[in-house]
Amino acid sequence: MAIQLTITPEAEGALSQLAQDRPSPFIRVSAGQACGCGRIGYQMAWEDELRPGDTAIEAQGIKLVIDPESQPYLDGGVIDYLRRDTEEGFIIRNPHIQTGCSCGH
C-alpha cells in the first residue's frame, strides 16, 4: 500500500538532527486506538528491524517505517514538529481520522 504522508519542513529539520545521533536505523511510526471511545493515538520510536508488510518512507536520511495496521490511520496525515515555551516534539495529525475524546482520557 502506498501511503501519502506529509512531513513539514519543521519535522524534516528535527529528523535531520535525529539522523546525526541515531541509535537505530529506523523510526517506527504507529497508530492505534488510544482508549475505549475510539480516539487514535500516535507513537514514534527507534526500531532496529523491518517487519513483514512494513512500508518505509525516507525523510532527511532516516527511514520512517509504518506497519500494516497503522497505515490506514496515517494515510493522508501530516507529521509536524512544534516548539513552544513549555513543550517540544513531533505532532501527527490526520484530517481523515476523528480526533478528540469523549470518554475523558
Protein backbone atom coordinates (compact mmCIF):
# COMPACT_ATOMS: atom_id res chain seq x y z
CA MET A 1 0.00 0.00 0.00
CA ALA A 2 1.35 3.43 -0.92
CA ILE A 3 0.94 5.92 1.90
CA GLN A 4 0.50 9.66 1.45
CA LEU A 5 2.21 11.22 4.46
CA THR A 6 3.29 14.85 4.51
CA ILE A 7 6.34 15.81 6.55
CA THR A 8 6.55 19.53 7.26
CA PRO A 9 9.82 21.47 6.93
CA GLU A 10 9.91 21.78 10.73
CA ALA A 11 9.62 18.00 11.13
CA GLU A 12 12.25 17.47 8.41
CA GLY A 13 14.63 19.71 10.37
CA ALA A 14 14.05 17.74 13.57
CA LEU A 15 14.52 14.43 11.71
CA SER A 16 17.76 15.77 10.24
CA GLN A 17 19.01 16.46 13.78
CA LEU A 18 17.98 12.96 14.90
CA ALA A 19 19.83 11.42 11.95
CA GLN A 20 23.13 12.68 13.34
CA ASP A 21 22.99 10.54 16.50
CA ARG A 22 20.62 7.73 15.56
CA PRO A 23 20.70 4.67 17.85
CA SER A 24 18.82 2.50 15.29
CA PRO A 25 18.37 2.52 11.52
CA PHE A 26 14.60 3.22 11.52
CA ILE A 27 11.90 5.21 13.30
CA ARG A 28 8.67 3.27 13.62
CA VAL A 29 5.55 5.43 13.31
CA SER A 30 2.48 3.64 14.67
CA ALA A 31 -1.15 4.43 15.28
CA GLY A 32 -4.00 2.71 17.06
CA GLN A 33 -6.88 3.12 19.43
CA ALA A 34 -5.78 5.12 22.46
CA CYS A 35 -8.84 4.46 24.61
CA GLY A 36 -12.27 2.84 24.65
CA CYS A 37 -14.05 5.64 22.78
CA GLY A 38 -12.07 5.09 19.60
CA ARG A 39 -9.65 8.02 19.74
CA ILE A 40 -6.49 7.34 17.70
CA GLY A 41 -3.10 7.76 19.35
CA TYR A 42 0.24 8.01 17.54
CA GLN A 43 3.75 6.97 18.56
CA MET A 44 7.25 7.28 17.15
CA ALA A 45 10.12 5.11 18.41
CA TRP A 46 13.52 3.91 17.23
CA GLU A 47 13.38 0.49 15.58
CA ASP A 48 16.15 -1.96 14.65
CA GLU A 49 14.40 -4.06 12.02
CA LEU A 50 11.69 -4.11 9.40
CA ARG A 51 8.69 -6.39 9.82
CA PRO A 52 6.68 -8.14 7.08
CA GLY A 53 4.29 -5.68 5.44
CA ASP A 54 6.07 -2.54 6.68
CA THR A 55 6.11 0.50 4.43
CA ALA A 56 9.23 2.68 4.55
CA ILE A 57 9.32 6.42 3.81
CA GLU A 58 12.66 8.22 3.51
CA ALA A 59 12.86 11.59 5.29
CA GLN A 60 16.09 13.53 5.85
CA GLY A 61 18.28 10.44 5.86
CA ILE A 62 16.03 8.46 8.22
CA LYS A 63 13.61 5.76 7.17
CA LEU A 64 10.21 6.02 8.81
CA VAL A 65 8.54 2.60 8.89
CA ILE A 66 4.82 2.01 9.24
CA ASP A 67 3.20 -1.35 10.00
CA PRO A 68 0.14 -2.52 8.02
CA GLU A 69 -2.26 -1.96 10.94
CA SER A 70 -1.20 1.69 11.30
CA GLN A 71 -1.22 2.54 7.60
CA PRO A 72 -4.94 3.43 7.33
CA TYR A 73 -4.63 5.83 10.29
CA LEU A 74 -1.55 7.56 8.86
CA ASP A 75 -2.53 7.72 5.18
CA GLY A 76 -3.29 11.36 4.33
CA GLY A 77 -1.71 12.57 7.58
CA VAL A 78 0.90 15.17 8.45
CA ILE A 79 3.96 14.83 10.68
CA ASP A 80 4.90 18.21 12.12
CA TYR A 81 7.33 19.40 14.79
CA LEU A 82 6.31 22.10 17.26
CA ARG A 83 8.37 24.19 19.65
CA ARG A 84 6.54 26.17 22.30
CA ASP A 85 7.56 27.74 25.57
CA THR A 86 6.98 24.62 27.68
CA GLU A 87 6.76 21.81 25.12
CA GLU A 88 8.55 20.49 22.08
CA GLY A 89 8.02 17.44 19.91
CA PHE A 90 6.52 15.71 16.92
CA ILE A 91 2.80 16.05 16.26
CA ILE A 92 0.91 13.72 13.94
CA ARG A 93 -2.42 14.83 12.53
CA ASN A 94 -4.77 13.20 10.07
CA PRO A 95 -7.83 15.13 8.88
CA HIS A 96 -9.50 11.85 7.83
CA ILE A 97 -9.44 10.39 11.35
CA GLN A 98 -11.70 11.53 14.19
CA THR A 99 -9.85 13.44 16.90
CA GLY A 100 -10.83 14.30 20.42
CA CYS A 101 -12.01 12.03 23.17
CA SER A 102 -15.47 11.90 24.62
CA CYS A 103 -14.61 9.49 27.43
CA GLY A 104 -12.40 11.92 29.35
CA HIS A 105 -9.00 10.32 28.71
